[in-house]
């Protein structure tokens, strides 16, 4: 898939905080690309809702429970480190 097409269809981010927040707000992580050993890329399917949440995240307009955030972060880290082999497209 070409990079331009990929960016229209998916949001790719290495931001763990953003990824945790989005996944907590019902935007599932489609996959985690671990082809680079020191940097994982979280892949989300682009939707109108996702784009609105990303904008709200950067405007600091989202409020979530600290306990829910921590639990989601722990779940994502477990998923991130569960499989040591990288996933690619």
PDB file of N, CA and C in Angstrom:
ATOM      1  N   UNK A   1       0.839  -1.166   0.000  1.00  0.00           N
ATOM      2  CA  UNK A   1       0.000   0.000   0.000  1.00  0.00           C
ATOM      3  C   UNK A   1       0.891   1.237   0.000  1.00  0.00           C
ATOM      4  N   UNK A   2       0.580   2.212  -0.838  1.00  0.00           N
ATOM      5  CA  UNK A   2       1.373   3.432  -0.910  1.00  0.00           C
ATOM      6  C   UNK A   2       1.142   4.275   0.344  1.00  0.00           C
ATOM      7  N   UNK A   3       2.156   5.041   0.719  1.00  0.00           N
ATOM      8  CA  UNK A   3       2.108   5.831   1.947  1.00  0.00           C
ATOM      9  C   UNK A   3       0.930   6.801   1.955  1.00  0.00           C
ATOM     10  N   UNK A   4       0.666   7.454   0.842  1.00  0.00           N
ATOM     11  CA  UNK A   4      -0.426   8.420   0.774  1.00  0.00           C
ATOM     12  C   UNK A   4      -1.781   7.736   0.987  1.00  0.00           C
ATOM     13  N   UNK A   5      -1.976   6.582   0.368  1.00  0.00           N
ATOM     14  CA  UNK A   5      -3.207   5.815   0.548  1.00  0.00           C
ATOM     15  C   UNK A   5      -3.316   5.324   1.984  1.00  0.00           C
ATOM     16  N   UNK A   6      -2.201   4.906   2.533  1.00  0.00           N
ATOM     17  CA  UNK A   6      -2.158   4.417   3.902  1.00  0.00           C
ATOM     18  C   UNK A   6      -2.600   5.507   4.877  1.00  0.00           C
ATOM     19  N   UNK A   7      -2.118   6.731   4.687  1.00  0.00           N
ATOM     20  CA  UNK A   7      -2.463   7.840   5.569  1.00  0.00           C
ATOM     21  C   UNK A   7      -3.926   8.255   5.443  1.00  0.00           C
ATOM     22  N   UNK A   8      -4.550   8.022   4.299  1.00  0.00           N
ATOM     23  CA  UNK A   8      -5.971   8.331   4.143  1.00  0.00           C
ATOM     24  C   UNK A   8      -6.843   7.306   4.851  1.00  0.00           C
ATOM     25  N   UNK A   9      -6.396   6.079   4.886  1.00  0.00           N
ATOM     26  CA  UNK A   9      -7.182   4.981   5.444  1.00  0.00           C
ATOM     27  C   UNK A   9      -6.898   4.750   6.921  1.00  0.00           C
ATOM     28  N   UNK A  10      -5.662   4.989   7.340  1.00  0.00           N
ATOM     29  CA  UNK A  10      -5.246   4.685   8.707  1.00  0.00           C
ATOM     30  C   UNK A  10      -4.533   5.871   9.348  1.00  0.00           C
ATOM     31  N   UNK A  11      -4.654   5.961  10.655  1.00  0.00           N
ATOM     32  CA  UNK A  11      -3.853   6.885  11.439  1.00  0.00           C
ATOM     33  C   UNK A  11      -2.708   6.071  12.019  1.00  0.00           C
ATOM     34  N   UNK A  12      -1.486   6.493  11.767  1.00  0.00           N
ATOM     35  CA  UNK A  12      -0.305   5.834  12.315  1.00  0.00           C
ATOM     36  C   UNK A  12       0.338   6.780  13.314  1.00  0.00           C
ATOM     37  N   UNK A  13       0.575   6.288  14.522  1.00  0.00           N
ATOM     38  CA  UNK A  13       1.194   7.119  15.541  1.00  0.00           C
ATOM     39  C   UNK A  13       2.080   6.275  16.442  1.00  0.00           C
ATOM     40  N   UNK A  14       3.137   6.874  16.921  1.00  0.00           N
ATOM     41  CA  UNK A  14       3.989   6.202  17.901  1.00  0.00           C
ATOM     42  C   UNK A  14       3.716   6.741  19.304  1.00  0.00           C
ATOM     43  N   UNK A  15       2.748   7.628  19.420  1.00  0.00           N
ATOM     44  CA  UNK A  15       2.391   8.266  20.682  1.00  0.00           C
ATOM     45  C   UNK A  15       1.575   7.300  21.547  1.00  0.00           C
ATOM     46  N   UNK A  16       2.191   6.769  22.597  1.00  0.00           N
ATOM     47  CA  UNK A  16       1.534   5.802  23.467  1.00  0.00           C
ATOM     48  C   UNK A  16       0.366   6.430  24.220  1.00  0.00           C
ATOM     49  N   UNK A  17       0.513   7.661  24.651  1.00  0.00           N
ATOM     50  CA  UNK A  17      -0.554   8.346  25.376  1.00  0.00           C
ATOM     51  C   UNK A  17      -1.785   8.553  24.493  1.00  0.00           C
ATOM     52  N   UNK A  18      -1.576   9.016  23.270  1.00  0.00           N
ATOM     53  CA  UNK A  18      -2.678   9.196  22.321  1.00  0.00           C
ATOM     54  C   UNK A  18      -3.328   7.856  22.016  1.00  0.00           C
ATOM     55  N   UNK A  19      -2.537   6.843  21.789  1.00  0.00           N
ATOM     56  CA  UNK A  19      -3.058   5.515  21.473  1.00  0.00           C
ATOM     57  C   UNK A  19      -3.882   4.950  22.616  1.00  0.00           C
ATOM     58  N   UNK A  20      -3.419   5.136  23.823  1.00  0.00           N
ATOM     59  CA  UNK A  20      -4.164   4.672  24.994  1.00  0.00           C
ATOM     60  C   UNK A  20      -5.497   5.394  25.100  1.00  0.00           C
ATOM     61  N   UNK A  21      -5.479   6.689  24.918  1.00  0.00           N
ATOM     62  CA  UNK A  21      -6.708   7.483  25.000  1.00  0.00           C
ATOM     63  C   UNK A  21      -7.693   7.083  23.926  1.00  0.00           C
ATOM     64  N   UNK A  22      -7.239   6.973  22.683  1.00  0.00           N
ATOM     65  CA  UNK A  22      -8.131   6.609  21.582  1.00  0.00           C
ATOM     66  C   UNK A  22      -8.735   5.227  21.798  1.00  0.00           C
ATOM     67  N   UNK A  23      -7.927   4.281  22.217  1.00  0.00           N
ATOM     68  CA  UNK A  23      -8.444   2.928  22.411  1.00  0.00           C
ATOM     69  C   UNK A  23      -9.434   2.878  23.576  1.00  0.00           C
ATOM     70  N   UNK A  24      -9.243   3.712  24.558  1.00  0.00           N
ATOM     71  CA  UNK A  24     -10.163   3.794  25.676  1.00  0.00           C
ATOM     72  C   UNK A  24     -11.506   4.384  25.249  1.00  0.00           C
ATOM     73  N   UNK A  25     -11.484   5.206  24.213  1.00  0.00           N
ATOM     74  CA  UNK A  25     -12.698   5.875  23.728  1.00  0.00           C
ATOM     75  C   UNK A  25     -13.293   5.174  22.514  1.00  0.00           C
ATOM     76  N   UNK A  26     -13.182   3.857  22.490  1.00  0.00           N
ATOM     77  CA  UNK A  26     -13.843   3.013  21.493  1.00  0.00           C
ATOM     78  C   UNK A  26     -13.274   3.123  20.077  1.00  0.00           C
ATOM     79  N   UNK A  27     -12.005   3.424  19.949  1.00  0.00           N
ATOM     80  CA  UNK A  27     -11.315   3.382  18.663  1.00  0.00           C
ATOM     81  C   UNK A  27     -10.246   2.281  18.773  1.00  0.00           C
ATOM     82  N   UNK A  28     -10.548   1.103  18.296  1.00  0.00           N
ATOM     83  CA  UNK A  28      -9.629  -0.019  18.508  1.00  0.00           C
ATOM     84  C   UNK A  28      -8.319   0.114  17.728  1.00  0.00           C
ATOM     85  N   UNK A  29      -7.275  -0.394  18.327  1.00  0.00           N
ATOM     86  CA  UNK A  29      -5.983  -0.474  17.651  1.00  0.00           C
ATOM     87  C   UNK A  29      -6.083  -1.623  16.651  1.00  0.00           C
ATOM     88  N   UNK A  30      -5.892  -1.311  15.372  1.00  0.00           N
ATOM     89  CA  UNK A  30      -5.979  -2.329  14.324  1.00  0.00           C
ATOM     90  C   UNK A  30      -4.782  -3.271  14.374  1.00  0.00           C
ATOM     91  N   UNK A  31      -3.618  -2.695  14.586  1.00  0.00           N
ATOM     92  CA  UNK A  31      -2.394  -3.489  14.710  1.00  0.00           C
ATOM     93  C   UNK A  31      -1.296  -2.615  15.289  1.00  0.00           C
ATOM     94  N   UNK A  32      -0.253  -3.266  15.723  1.00  0.00           N
ATOM     95  CA  UNK A  32       0.938  -2.573  16.208  1.00  0.00           C
ATOM     96  C   UNK A  32       2.085  -3.004  15.317  1.00  0.00           C
ATOM     97  N   UNK A  33       2.669  -2.044  14.630  1.00  0.00           N
ATOM     98  CA  UNK A  33       3.796  -2.312  13.734  1.00  0.00           C
ATOM     99  C   UNK A  33       5.080  -2.173  14.540  1.00  0.00           C
ATOM    100  N   UNK A  34       5.779  -3.286  14.704  1.00  0.00           N
ATOM    101  CA  UNK A  34       6.997  -3.308  15.508  1.00  0.00           C
ATOM    102  C   UNK A  34       8.221  -3.620  14.646  1.00  0.00           C
ATOM    103  N   UNK A  35       8.196  -3.219  13.378  1.00  0.00           N
ATOM    104  CA  UNK A  35       9.319  -3.533  12.500  1.00  0.00           C
ATOM    105  C   UNK A  35      10.592  -2.794  12.906  1.00  0.00           C
ATOM    106  N   UNK A  36      10.442  -1.637  13.531  1.00  0.00           N
ATOM    107  CA  UNK A  36      11.592  -0.914  14.055  1.00  0.00           C
ATOM    108  C   UNK A  36      11.762  -1.309  15.522  1.00  0.00           C
ATOM    109  N   UNK A  37      12.907  -1.858  15.892  1.00  0.00           N
ATOM    110  CA  UNK A  37      13.068  -2.409  17.247  1.00  0.00           C
ATOM    111  C   UNK A  37      12.796  -1.423  18.391  1.00  0.00           C
ATOM    112  N   UNK A  38      13.119  -0.175  18.219  1.00  0.00           N
ATOM    113  CA  UNK A  38      12.987   0.779  19.310  1.00  0.00           C
ATOM    114  C   UNK A  38      11.743   1.653  19.226  1.00  0.00           C
ATOM    115  N   UNK A  39      10.907   1.451  18.209  1.00  0.00           N
ATOM    116  CA  UNK A  39       9.747   2.320  18.039  1.00  0.00           C
ATOM    117  C   UNK A  39       8.582   1.523  17.472  1.00  0.00           C
ATOM    118  N   UNK A  40       7.498   1.492  18.202  1.00  0.00           N
ATOM    119  CA  UNK A  40       6.294   0.812  17.735  1.00  0.00           C
ATOM    120  C   UNK A  40       5.320   1.843  17.169  1.00  0.00           C
ATOM    121  N   UNK A  41       4.625   1.442  16.127  1.00  0.00           N
ATOM    122  CA  UNK A  41       3.639   2.309  15.488  1.00  0.00           C
ATOM    123  C   UNK A  41       2.261   1.693  15.714  1.00  0.00           C
ATOM    124  N   UNK A  42       1.376   2.476  16.298  1.00  0.00           N
ATOM    125  CA  UNK A  42       0.006   2.046  16.531  1.00  0.00           C
ATOM    126  C   UNK A  42      -0.837   2.463  15.333  1.00  0.00           C
ATOM    127  N   UNK A  43      -1.634   1.542  14.840  1.00  0.00           N
ATOM    128  CA  UNK A  43      -2.410   1.759  13.616  1.00  0.00           C
ATOM    129  C   UNK A  43      -3.898   1.750  13.961  1.00  0.00           C
ATOM    130  N   UNK A  44      -4.576   2.834  13.598  1.00  0.00           N
ATOM    131  CA  UNK A  44      -6.013   2.981  13.802  1.00  0.00           C
ATOM    132  C   UNK A  44      -6.690   3.211  12.462  1.00  0.00           C
ATOM    133  N   UNK A  45      -7.869   2.638  12.279  1.00  0.00           N
ATOM    134  CA  UNK A  45      -8.673   2.880  11.082  1.00  0.00           C
ATOM    135  C   UNK A  45      -9.242   4.287  11.185  1.00  0.00           C
ATOM    136  N   UNK A  46      -9.045   5.088  10.126  1.00  0.00           N
ATOM    137  CA  UNK A  46      -9.545   6.463  10.134  1.00  0.00           C
ATOM    138  C   UNK A  46     -11.064   6.495  10.008  1.00  0.00           C
ATOM    139  N   UNK A  47     -11.678   7.254  10.888  1.00  0.00           N
ATOM    140  CA  UNK A  47     -13.108   7.532  10.829  1.00  0.00           C
ATOM    141  C   UNK A  47     -13.298   8.994  11.217  1.00  0.00           C
ATOM    142  N   UNK A  48     -14.492   9.484  11.012  1.00  0.00           N
ATOM    143  CA  UNK A  48     -14.788  10.862  11.412  1.00  0.00           C
ATOM    144  C   UNK A  48     -14.626  10.998  12.929  1.00  0.00           C
ATOM    145  N   UNK A  49     -15.138   9.997  13.657  1.00  0.00           N
ATOM    146  CA  UNK A  49     -15.032  10.004  15.120  1.00  0.00           C
ATOM    147  C   UNK A  49     -13.574  10.035  15.563  1.00  0.00           C
ATOM    148  N   UNK A  50     -12.744   9.221  14.933  1.00  0.00           N
ATOM    149  CA  UNK A  50     -11.328   9.177  15.296  1.00  0.00           C
ATOM    150  C   UNK A  50     -10.680  10.543  15.080  1.00  0.00           C
ATOM    151  N   UNK A  51     -10.935  11.147  13.934  1.00  0.00           N
ATOM    152  CA  UNK A  51     -10.348  12.456  13.645  1.00  0.00           C
ATOM    153  C   UNK A  51     -10.795  13.505  14.667  1.00  0.00           C
ATOM    154  N   UNK A  52     -12.063  13.459  15.061  1.00  0.00           N
ATOM    155  CA  UNK A  52     -12.573  14.399  16.058  1.00  0.00           C
ATOM    156  C   UNK A  52     -11.913  14.172  17.417  1.00  0.00           C
ATOM    157  N   UNK A  53     -11.729  12.905  17.782  1.00  0.00           N
ATOM    158  CA  UNK A  53     -11.079  12.596  19.057  1.00  0.00           C
ATOM    159  C   UNK A  53      -9.616  13.035  19.072  1.00  0.00           C
ATOM    160  N   UNK A  54      -8.923  12.840  17.960  1.00  0.00           N
ATOM    161  CA  UNK A  54      -7.520  13.280  17.888  1.00  0.00           C
ATOM    162  C   UNK A  54      -7.442  14.800  18.052  1.00  0.00           C
ATOM    163  N   UNK A  55      -8.321  15.512  17.367  1.00  0.00           N
ATOM    164  CA  UNK A  55      -8.343  16.980  17.512  1.00  0.00           C
ATOM    165  C   UNK A  55      -8.641  17.385  18.955  1.00  0.00           C
ATOM    166  N   UNK A  56      -9.623  16.734  19.570  1.00  0.00           N
ATOM    167  CA  UNK A  56      -9.980  17.045  20.956  1.00  0.00           C
ATOM    168  C   UNK A  56      -8.836  16.707  21.910  1.00  0.00           C
ATOM    169  N   UNK A  57      -8.124  15.628  21.624  1.00  0.00           N
ATOM    170  CA  UNK A  57      -6.970  15.233  22.442  1.00  0.00           C
ATOM    171  C   UNK A  57      -5.918  16.341  22.442  1.00  0.00           C
ATOM    172  N   UNK A  58      -5.588  16.852  21.267  1.00  0.00           N
ATOM    173  CA  UNK A  58      -4.554  17.875  21.173  1.00  0.00           C
ATOM    174  C   UNK A  58      -5.030  19.244  21.663  1.00  0.00           C
ATOM    175  N   UNK A  59      -6.341  19.454  21.725  1.00  0.00           N
ATOM    176  CA  UNK A  59      -6.882  20.692  22.296  1.00  0.00           C
ATOM    177  C   UNK A  59      -7.100  20.554  23.803  1.00  0.00           C
ATOM    178  N   UNK A  60      -6.766  19.393  24.359  1.00  0.00           N
ATOM    179  CA  UNK A  60      -6.910  19.103  25.787  1.00  0.00           C
ATOM    180  C   UNK A  60      -8.364  19.214  26.234  1.00  0.00           C
ATOM    181  N   UNK A  61      -9.270  18.668  25.425  1.00  0.00           N
ATOM    182  CA  UNK A  61     -10.694  18.735  25.720  1.00  0.00           C
ATOM    183  C   UNK A  61     -11.270  17.408  26.212  1.00  0.00           C
ATOM    184  N   UNK A  62     -10.477  16.386  26.294  1.00  0.00           N
ATOM    185  CA  UNK A  62     -10.967  15.078  26.706  1.00  0.00           C
ATOM    186  C   UNK A  62     -10.739  14.887  28.200  1.00  0.00           C
ATOM    187  N   UNK A  63     -11.715  14.263  28.836  1.00  0.00           N
ATOM    188  CA  UNK A  63     -11.590  13.927  30.251  1.00  0.00           C
ATOM    189  C   UNK A  63     -11.905  12.443  30.409  1.00  0.00           C
ATOM    190  N   UNK A  64     -10.959  11.727  30.991  1.00  0.00           N
ATOM    191  CA  UNK A  64     -11.163  10.301  31.231  1.00  0.00           C
ATOM    192  C   UNK A  64     -10.686   9.975  32.640  1.00  0.00           C
ATOM    193  N   UNK A  65     -11.185   8.889  33.143  1.00  0.00           N
ATOM    194  CA  UNK A  65     -10.828   8.440  34.483  1.00  0.00           C
ATOM    195  C   UNK A  65      -9.351   8.037  34.530  1.00  0.00           C
ATOM    196  N   UNK A  66      -8.605   8.545  35.490  1.00  0.00           N
ATOM    197  CA  UNK A  66      -7.197   8.141  35.608  1.00  0.00           C
ATOM    198  C   UNK A  66      -7.034   6.631  35.795  1.00  0.00           C
ATOM    199  N   UNK A  67      -7.943   6.030  36.543  1.00  0.00           N
ATOM    200  CA  UNK A  67      -7.864   4.594  36.775  1.00  0.00           C
ATOM    201  C   UNK A  67      -8.120   3.810  35.483  1.00  0.00           C
ATOM    202  N   UNK A  68      -9.111   4.244  34.701  1.00  0.00           N
ATOM    203  CA  UNK A  68      -9.397   3.590  33.422  1.00  0.00           C
ATOM    204  C   UNK A  68      -8.218   3.769  32.465  1.00  0.00           C
ATOM    205  N   UNK A  69      -7.630   4.969  32.454  1.00  0.00           N
ATOM    206  CA  UNK A  69      -6.478   5.235  31.597  1.00  0.00           C
ATOM    207  C   UNK A  69      -5.310   4.308  31.959  1.00  0.00           C
ATOM    208  N   UNK A  70      -5.011   4.208  33.249  1.00  0.00           N
ATOM    209  CA  UNK A  70      -3.906   3.365  33.687  1.00  0.00           C
ATOM    210  C   UNK A  70      -4.136   1.901  33.309  1.00  0.00           C
ATOM    211  N   UNK A  71      -5.352   1.407  33.516  1.00  0.00           N
ATOM    212  CA  UNK A  71      -5.663   0.016  33.168  1.00  0.00           C
ATOM    213  C   UNK A  71      -5.532  -0.225  31.669  1.00  0.00           C
ATOM    214  N   UNK A  72      -5.981   0.732  30.868  1.00  0.00           N
ATOM    215  CA  UNK A  72      -5.859   0.598  29.411  1.00  0.00           C
ATOM    216  C   UNK A  72      -4.395   0.650  28.981  1.00  0.00           C
ATOM    217  N   UNK A  73      -3.630   1.527  29.585  1.00  0.00           N
ATOM    218  CA  UNK A  73      -2.198   1.624  29.287  1.00  0.00           C
ATOM    219  C   UNK A  73      -1.493   0.296  29.603  1.00  0.00           C
ATOM    220  N   UNK A  74      -1.838  -0.292  30.724  1.00  0.00           N
ATOM    221  CA  UNK A  74      -1.258  -1.580  31.100  1.00  0.00           C
ATOM    222  C   UNK A  74      -1.630  -2.666  30.086  1.00  0.00           C
ATOM    223  N   UNK A  75      -2.878  -2.662  29.626  1.00  0.00           N
ATOM    224  CA  UNK A  75      -3.325  -3.655  28.639  1.00  0.00           C
ATOM    225  C   UNK A  75      -2.590  -3.477  27.306  1.00  0.00           C
ATOM    226  N   UNK A  76      -2.395  -2.232  26.891  1.00  0.00           N
ATOM    227  CA  UNK A  76      -1.678  -1.967  25.635  1.00  0.00           C
ATOM    228  C   UNK A  76      -0.222  -2.388  25.754  1.00  0.00           C
ATOM    229  N   UNK A  77       0.407  -2.099  26.870  1.00  0.00           N
ATOM    230  CA  UNK A  77       1.801  -2.510  27.055  1.00  0.00           C
ATOM    231  C   UNK A  77       1.924  -4.028  27.049  1.00  0.00           C
ATOM    232  N   UNK A  78       0.962  -4.704  27.638  1.00  0.00           N
ATOM    233  CA  UNK A  78       0.990  -6.170  27.622  1.00  0.00           C
ATOM    234  C   UNK A  78       0.882  -6.676  26.188  1.00  0.00           C
ATOM    235  N   UNK A  79      -0.003  -6.060  25.412  1.00  0.00           N
ATOM    236  CA  UNK A  79      -0.147  -6.438  23.998  1.00  0.00           C
ATOM    237  C   UNK A  79       1.117  -6.107  23.220  1.00  0.00           C
ATOM    238  N   UNK A  80       1.708  -4.990  23.528  1.00  0.00           N
ATOM    239  CA  UNK A  80       2.914  -4.541  22.836  1.00  0.00           C
ATOM    240  C   UNK A  80       4.080  -5.494  23.049  1.00  0.00           C
ATOM    241  N   UNK A  81       4.231  -5.998  24.260  1.00  0.00           N
ATOM    242  CA  UNK A  81       5.378  -6.834  24.572  1.00  0.00           C
ATOM    243  C   UNK A  81       5.081  -8.328  24.537  1.00  0.00           C
ATOM    244  N   UNK A  82       3.832  -8.685  24.283  1.00  0.00           N
ATOM    245  CA  UNK A  82       3.464 -10.111  24.255  1.00  0.00           C
ATOM    246  C   UNK A  82       4.121 -10.862  23.114  1.00  0.00           C
ATOM    247  N   UNK A  83       4.238 -10.222  21.980  1.00  0.00           N
ATOM    248  CA  UNK A  83       4.817 -10.861  20.797  1.00  0.00           C
ATOM    249  C   UNK A  83       6.071 -10.091  20.417  1.00  0.00           C
ATOM    250  N   UNK A  84       7.206 -10.690  20.594  1.00  0.00           N
ATOM    251  CA  UNK A  84       8.473 -10.018  20.327  1.00  0.00           C
ATOM    252  C   UNK A  84       8.786  -9.861  18.849  1.00  0.00           C
ATOM    253  N   UNK A  85       8.089 -10.581  17.974  1.00  0.00           N
ATOM    254  CA  UNK A  85       8.332 -10.440  16.548  1.00  0.00           C
ATOM    255  C   UNK A  85       7.535  -9.278  16.008  1.00  0.00           C
ATOM    256  N   UNK A  86       8.136  -8.483  15.109  1.00  0.00           N
ATOM    257  CA  UNK A  86       7.466  -7.330  14.535  1.00  0.00           C
ATOM    258  C   UNK A  86       6.387  -7.726  13.528  1.00  0.00           C
ATOM    259  N   UNK A  87       5.397  -6.879  13.449  1.00  0.00           N
ATOM    260  CA  UNK A  87       4.330  -7.075  12.459  1.00  0.00           C
ATOM    261  C   UNK A  87       4.506  -6.028  11.375  1.00  0.00           C
ATOM    262  N   UNK A  88       4.291  -6.429  10.157  1.00  0.00           N
ATOM    263  CA  UNK A  88       4.399  -5.503   9.042  1.00  0.00           C
ATOM    264  C   UNK A  88       3.109  -5.534   8.242  1.00  0.00           C
ATOM    265  N   UNK A  89       3.042  -4.683   7.299  1.00  0.00           N
ATOM    266  CA  UNK A  89       1.851  -4.626   6.430  1.00  0.00           C
ATOM    267  C   UNK A  89       1.911  -5.779   5.538  1.00  0.00           C
TER     268      UNK A  89
END
